[in-house]
């Protein structure tokens, strides 16, 4: 956990999460990203991407990865970058019907 000086700093928790991710402490890193997002005045899409990327390459956690992106879409709106990321993950999974439904709702 970051020092007390960073308890209310979204950037401090983001940095902490990144370090934990680099140490393959995925669950702890996810918790730190959650806190960074929760206390950010306005969370950036990058926070959601970084949190989701922790789960890339873990086939048993793809649904969780997509839920991370869904959280970002729910909070920030239908940003094309978040939607495109979700579409790419779904294409890798072979869920083309879902991809088509998501694409139909993408902002243009």
N, C-alpha and C. Protein backbone atom coordinates (compact mmCIF):
# COMPACT_ATOMS: atom_id res chain seq x y z
N UNK A 1 0.84 -1.18 0.00
CA UNK A 1 0.00 0.00 0.00
C UNK A 1 0.89 1.24 0.00
N UNK A 2 0.50 2.27 -0.75
CA UNK A 2 1.30 3.49 -0.75
C UNK A 2 1.35 4.11 0.64
N UNK A 3 2.33 4.97 0.83
CA UNK A 3 2.47 5.64 2.13
C UNK A 3 1.26 6.51 2.40
N UNK A 4 1.10 6.95 3.64
CA UNK A 4 -0.02 7.80 4.01
C UNK A 4 -0.11 9.06 3.17
N UNK A 5 1.01 9.54 2.68
CA UNK A 5 1.01 10.75 1.86
C UNK A 5 0.23 10.55 0.57
N UNK A 6 0.05 9.30 0.15
CA UNK A 6 -0.64 9.03 -1.11
C UNK A 6 -2.03 8.43 -0.90
N UNK A 7 -2.52 8.36 0.33
CA UNK A 7 -3.79 7.69 0.57
C UNK A 7 -4.94 8.25 -0.26
N UNK A 8 -4.93 9.53 -0.54
CA UNK A 8 -6.00 10.14 -1.32
C UNK A 8 -5.55 10.52 -2.72
N UNK A 9 -4.45 9.95 -3.18
CA UNK A 9 -3.90 10.29 -4.49
C UNK A 9 -4.18 9.17 -5.49
N UNK A 10 -4.98 9.48 -6.47
CA UNK A 10 -5.26 8.50 -7.51
C UNK A 10 -3.97 8.09 -8.22
N UNK A 11 -3.09 9.06 -8.48
CA UNK A 11 -1.82 8.73 -9.15
C UNK A 11 -0.97 7.81 -8.30
N UNK A 12 -0.96 8.02 -7.00
CA UNK A 12 -0.20 7.15 -6.10
C UNK A 12 -0.69 5.72 -6.17
N UNK A 13 -2.01 5.54 -6.17
CA UNK A 13 -2.58 4.19 -6.25
C UNK A 13 -2.36 3.59 -7.63
N UNK A 14 -2.38 4.41 -8.67
CA UNK A 14 -2.11 3.91 -10.02
C UNK A 14 -0.68 3.39 -10.12
N UNK A 15 0.26 4.15 -9.59
CA UNK A 15 1.66 3.74 -9.61
C UNK A 15 1.84 2.46 -8.79
N UNK A 16 1.20 2.43 -7.64
CA UNK A 16 1.26 1.24 -6.78
C UNK A 16 0.72 0.02 -7.53
N UNK A 17 -0.40 0.19 -8.22
CA UNK A 17 -1.00 -0.91 -8.98
C UNK A 17 -0.07 -1.37 -10.09
N UNK A 18 0.56 -0.43 -10.78
CA UNK A 18 1.48 -0.79 -11.86
C UNK A 18 2.65 -1.60 -11.35
N UNK A 19 3.19 -1.20 -10.21
CA UNK A 19 4.30 -1.95 -9.61
C UNK A 19 3.86 -3.36 -9.25
N UNK A 20 2.70 -3.47 -8.61
CA UNK A 20 2.19 -4.80 -8.25
C UNK A 20 1.95 -5.65 -9.49
N UNK A 21 1.45 -5.04 -10.55
CA UNK A 21 1.24 -5.77 -11.80
C UNK A 21 2.54 -6.29 -12.36
N UNK A 22 3.58 -5.46 -12.31
CA UNK A 22 4.90 -5.89 -12.79
C UNK A 22 5.47 -7.03 -11.95
N UNK A 23 5.02 -7.14 -10.71
CA UNK A 23 5.45 -8.23 -9.83
C UNK A 23 4.53 -9.44 -9.92
N UNK A 24 3.60 -9.41 -10.89
CA UNK A 24 2.61 -10.48 -11.08
C UNK A 24 1.71 -10.68 -9.88
N UNK A 25 1.46 -9.62 -9.15
CA UNK A 25 0.51 -9.64 -8.03
C UNK A 25 -0.81 -9.08 -8.56
N UNK A 26 -1.44 -9.86 -9.43
CA UNK A 26 -2.59 -9.38 -10.19
C UNK A 26 -3.74 -8.93 -9.30
N UNK A 27 -4.16 -9.73 -8.36
CA UNK A 27 -5.31 -9.37 -7.53
C UNK A 27 -5.05 -8.12 -6.70
N UNK A 28 -3.86 -8.00 -6.15
CA UNK A 28 -3.52 -6.80 -5.39
C UNK A 28 -3.46 -5.58 -6.30
N UNK A 29 -2.93 -5.76 -7.51
CA UNK A 29 -2.86 -4.66 -8.46
C UNK A 29 -4.26 -4.22 -8.88
N UNK A 30 -5.17 -5.18 -9.11
CA UNK A 30 -6.55 -4.83 -9.44
C UNK A 30 -7.19 -4.02 -8.33
N UNK A 31 -6.95 -4.41 -7.08
CA UNK A 31 -7.52 -3.68 -5.95
C UNK A 31 -6.97 -2.25 -5.89
N UNK A 32 -5.70 -2.08 -6.19
CA UNK A 32 -5.11 -0.73 -6.19
C UNK A 32 -5.66 0.11 -7.34
N UNK A 33 -5.84 -0.51 -8.51
CA UNK A 33 -6.47 0.22 -9.62
C UNK A 33 -7.90 0.60 -9.26
N UNK A 34 -8.62 -0.30 -8.60
CA UNK A 34 -9.99 0.01 -8.18
C UNK A 34 -10.00 1.25 -7.29
N UNK A 35 -9.06 1.31 -6.37
CA UNK A 35 -9.00 2.47 -5.47
C UNK A 35 -8.61 3.73 -6.24
N UNK A 36 -7.68 3.62 -7.16
CA UNK A 36 -7.28 4.78 -7.97
C UNK A 36 -8.47 5.32 -8.75
N UNK A 37 -9.26 4.43 -9.31
CA UNK A 37 -10.43 4.84 -10.08
C UNK A 37 -11.49 5.45 -9.17
N UNK A 38 -11.70 4.82 -8.03
CA UNK A 38 -12.72 5.28 -7.09
C UNK A 38 -12.45 6.69 -6.58
N UNK A 39 -11.18 7.01 -6.32
CA UNK A 39 -10.88 8.32 -5.72
C UNK A 39 -10.49 9.38 -6.74
N UNK A 40 -10.36 8.99 -8.01
CA UNK A 40 -10.03 9.97 -9.05
C UNK A 40 -11.20 10.93 -9.22
N UNK A 41 -10.90 12.20 -9.34
CA UNK A 41 -11.98 13.17 -9.61
C UNK A 41 -12.67 12.82 -10.90
N UNK A 42 -11.89 12.63 -11.94
CA UNK A 42 -12.39 12.18 -13.23
C UNK A 42 -11.42 11.10 -13.71
N UNK A 43 -11.81 9.83 -13.60
CA UNK A 43 -10.90 8.77 -14.05
C UNK A 43 -10.69 8.83 -15.55
N UNK A 44 -9.51 8.50 -15.96
CA UNK A 44 -9.19 8.50 -17.39
C UNK A 44 -9.45 7.12 -17.97
N UNK A 45 -9.69 7.05 -19.27
CA UNK A 45 -9.83 5.72 -19.89
C UNK A 45 -8.59 4.86 -19.66
N UNK A 46 -7.43 5.50 -19.59
CA UNK A 46 -6.19 4.75 -19.40
C UNK A 46 -6.20 3.94 -18.10
N UNK A 47 -6.82 4.45 -17.06
CA UNK A 47 -6.91 3.67 -15.81
C UNK A 47 -7.67 2.37 -16.06
N UNK A 48 -8.74 2.43 -16.84
CA UNK A 48 -9.52 1.23 -17.14
C UNK A 48 -8.74 0.28 -18.04
N UNK A 49 -8.01 0.83 -19.01
CA UNK A 49 -7.17 -0.01 -19.87
C UNK A 49 -6.10 -0.71 -19.06
N UNK A 50 -5.41 0.02 -18.20
CA UNK A 50 -4.34 -0.58 -17.40
C UNK A 50 -4.89 -1.68 -16.51
N UNK A 51 -6.04 -1.43 -15.89
CA UNK A 51 -6.64 -2.44 -15.02
C UNK A 51 -7.02 -3.68 -15.84
N UNK A 52 -7.63 -3.48 -17.00
CA UNK A 52 -8.03 -4.62 -17.83
C UNK A 52 -6.83 -5.39 -18.36
N UNK A 53 -5.77 -4.67 -18.72
CA UNK A 53 -4.58 -5.34 -19.29
C UNK A 53 -3.93 -6.30 -18.31
N UNK A 54 -4.16 -6.10 -17.03
CA UNK A 54 -3.64 -7.05 -16.04
C UNK A 54 -4.19 -8.46 -16.27
N UNK A 55 -5.35 -8.53 -16.90
CA UNK A 55 -6.02 -9.81 -17.09
C UNK A 55 -5.82 -10.39 -18.48
N UNK A 56 -5.13 -9.65 -19.37
CA UNK A 56 -4.86 -10.17 -20.70
C UNK A 56 -4.00 -11.42 -20.61
N UNK A 57 -4.28 -12.36 -21.48
CA UNK A 57 -3.50 -13.60 -21.50
C UNK A 57 -3.90 -14.59 -20.41
N UNK A 58 -4.95 -14.28 -19.69
CA UNK A 58 -5.46 -15.19 -18.66
C UNK A 58 -6.84 -15.67 -19.11
N UNK A 59 -6.89 -16.77 -19.89
CA UNK A 59 -8.14 -17.21 -20.50
C UNK A 59 -9.29 -17.40 -19.51
N UNK A 60 -8.99 -17.81 -18.30
CA UNK A 60 -10.05 -18.04 -17.32
C UNK A 60 -10.57 -16.73 -16.70
N UNK A 61 -10.01 -15.58 -17.13
CA UNK A 61 -10.45 -14.30 -16.56
C UNK A 61 -10.92 -13.31 -17.63
N UNK A 62 -11.27 -13.82 -18.81
CA UNK A 62 -11.69 -12.94 -19.90
C UNK A 62 -12.98 -12.21 -19.55
N UNK A 63 -13.92 -12.90 -18.92
CA UNK A 63 -15.17 -12.23 -18.53
C UNK A 63 -14.90 -11.09 -17.56
N UNK A 64 -13.97 -11.31 -16.66
CA UNK A 64 -13.59 -10.27 -15.71
C UNK A 64 -12.93 -9.09 -16.43
N UNK A 65 -12.09 -9.39 -17.42
CA UNK A 65 -11.44 -8.34 -18.22
C UNK A 65 -12.51 -7.48 -18.90
N UNK A 66 -13.49 -8.13 -19.51
CA UNK A 66 -14.54 -7.39 -20.18
C UNK A 66 -15.39 -6.60 -19.19
N UNK A 67 -15.58 -7.12 -18.00
CA UNK A 67 -16.31 -6.38 -16.96
C UNK A 67 -15.56 -5.11 -16.58
N UNK A 68 -14.23 -5.17 -16.58
CA UNK A 68 -13.42 -3.99 -16.28
C UNK A 68 -13.67 -2.91 -17.33
N UNK A 69 -13.71 -3.31 -18.59
CA UNK A 69 -13.98 -2.36 -19.67
C UNK A 69 -15.42 -1.85 -19.59
N UNK A 70 -16.35 -2.74 -19.27
CA UNK A 70 -17.75 -2.32 -19.10
C UNK A 70 -17.88 -1.26 -18.01
N UNK A 71 -17.11 -1.41 -16.93
CA UNK A 71 -17.11 -0.40 -15.87
C UNK A 71 -16.71 0.96 -16.42
N UNK A 72 -15.67 0.96 -17.24
CA UNK A 72 -15.20 2.21 -17.84
C UNK A 72 -16.25 2.82 -18.75
N UNK A 73 -16.91 1.99 -19.53
CA UNK A 73 -17.96 2.48 -20.43
C UNK A 73 -19.12 3.04 -19.62
N UNK A 74 -19.48 2.35 -18.54
CA UNK A 74 -20.58 2.82 -17.69
C UNK A 74 -20.26 4.18 -17.07
N UNK A 75 -19.02 4.37 -16.68
CA UNK A 75 -18.65 5.61 -15.99
C UNK A 75 -18.29 6.74 -16.95
N UNK A 76 -17.64 6.41 -18.06
CA UNK A 76 -17.13 7.45 -18.96
C UNK A 76 -17.97 7.63 -20.22
N UNK A 77 -18.88 6.70 -20.47
CA UNK A 77 -19.66 6.76 -21.70
C UNK A 77 -19.06 5.85 -22.76
N UNK A 78 -19.71 5.80 -23.89
CA UNK A 78 -19.31 4.89 -24.96
C UNK A 78 -18.15 5.47 -25.76
N UNK A 79 -16.99 5.48 -25.13
CA UNK A 79 -15.78 5.94 -25.82
C UNK A 79 -15.37 4.88 -26.83
N UNK A 80 -15.05 5.32 -28.04
CA UNK A 80 -14.71 4.36 -29.09
C UNK A 80 -13.49 3.52 -28.72
N UNK A 81 -12.55 4.10 -27.96
CA UNK A 81 -11.35 3.33 -27.59
C UNK A 81 -11.70 2.16 -26.67
N UNK A 82 -12.59 2.38 -25.72
CA UNK A 82 -13.00 1.29 -24.82
C UNK A 82 -13.83 0.26 -25.57
N UNK A 83 -14.73 0.73 -26.44
CA UNK A 83 -15.54 -0.20 -27.22
C UNK A 83 -14.69 -1.03 -28.17
N UNK A 84 -13.71 -0.40 -28.80
CA UNK A 84 -12.83 -1.12 -29.72
C UNK A 84 -12.03 -2.19 -28.97
N UNK A 85 -11.57 -1.87 -27.78
CA UNK A 85 -10.82 -2.83 -26.98
C UNK A 85 -11.71 -4.04 -26.66
N UNK A 86 -12.95 -3.78 -26.24
CA UNK A 86 -13.89 -4.87 -25.93
C UNK A 86 -14.17 -5.70 -27.17
N UNK A 87 -14.35 -5.05 -28.31
CA UNK A 87 -14.61 -5.77 -29.56
C UNK A 87 -13.44 -6.68 -29.90
N UNK A 88 -12.22 -6.19 -29.77
CA UNK A 88 -11.04 -7.02 -30.08
C UNK A 88 -10.96 -8.23 -29.18
N UNK A 89 -11.27 -8.06 -27.90
CA UNK A 89 -11.26 -9.20 -26.98
C UNK A 89 -12.34 -10.21 -27.38
N UNK A 90 -13.52 -9.71 -27.70
CA UNK A 90 -14.60 -10.61 -28.11
C UNK A 90 -14.27 -11.33 -29.42
N UNK A 91 -13.62 -10.65 -30.35
CA UNK A 91 -13.22 -11.31 -31.60
C UNK A 91 -12.22 -12.43 -31.33
N UNK A 92 -11.30 -12.19 -30.40
CA UNK A 92 -10.33 -13.23 -30.03
C UNK A 92 -11.05 -14.44 -29.45
N UNK A 93 -12.15 -14.19 -28.76
CA UNK A 93 -12.93 -15.28 -28.17
C UNK A 93 -13.83 -15.96 -29.19
N UNK A 94 -14.03 -15.32 -30.34
CA UNK A 94 -14.89 -15.89 -31.37
C UNK A 94 -16.37 -15.60 -31.16
N UNK A 95 -16.68 -14.59 -30.39
CA UNK A 95 -18.09 -14.25 -30.15
C UNK A 95 -18.53 -13.15 -31.13
N UNK A 96 -18.65 -13.54 -32.39
CA UNK A 96 -18.90 -12.56 -33.44
C UNK A 96 -20.29 -11.93 -33.36
N UNK A 97 -21.30 -12.64 -32.91
CA UNK A 97 -22.63 -12.05 -32.80
C UNK A 97 -22.63 -10.92 -31.77
N UNK A 98 -21.96 -11.13 -30.66
CA UNK A 98 -21.87 -10.09 -29.64
C UNK A 98 -21.10 -8.90 -30.19
N UNK A 99 -20.05 -9.17 -30.92
CA UNK A 99 -19.25 -8.10 -31.52
C UNK A 99 -20.13 -7.26 -32.45
N UNK A 100 -20.93 -7.91 -33.24
CA UNK A 100 -21.82 -7.19 -34.16
C UNK A 100 -22.78 -6.29 -33.38
N UNK A 101 -23.33 -6.80 -32.28
CA UNK A 101 -24.25 -6.00 -31.47
C UNK A 101 -23.55 -4.79 -30.87
N UNK A 102 -22.34 -4.99 -30.37
CA UNK A 102 -21.58 -3.87 -29.79
C UNK A 102 -21.25 -2.86 -30.87
N UNK A 103 -20.80 -3.33 -32.02
CA UNK A 103 -20.41 -2.44 -33.11
C UNK A 103 -21.59 -1.59 -33.57
N UNK A 104 -22.78 -2.17 -33.58
CA UNK A 104 -23.97 -1.43 -34.00
C UNK A 104 -24.24 -0.23 -33.09
N UNK A 105 -23.78 -0.30 -31.83
CA UNK A 105 -24.01 0.77 -30.87
C UNK A 105 -22.82 1.71 -30.71
N UNK A 106 -21.77 1.47 -31.48
CA UNK A 106 -20.57 2.32 -31.38
C UNK A 106 -20.87 3.72 -31.91
N UNK A 107 -20.33 4.73 -31.22
CA UNK A 107 -20.48 6.08 -31.76
C UNK A 107 -19.64 6.20 -33.03
N UNK A 108 -20.14 6.94 -33.97
CA UNK A 108 -19.42 7.13 -35.24
C UNK A 108 -19.19 8.59 -35.48
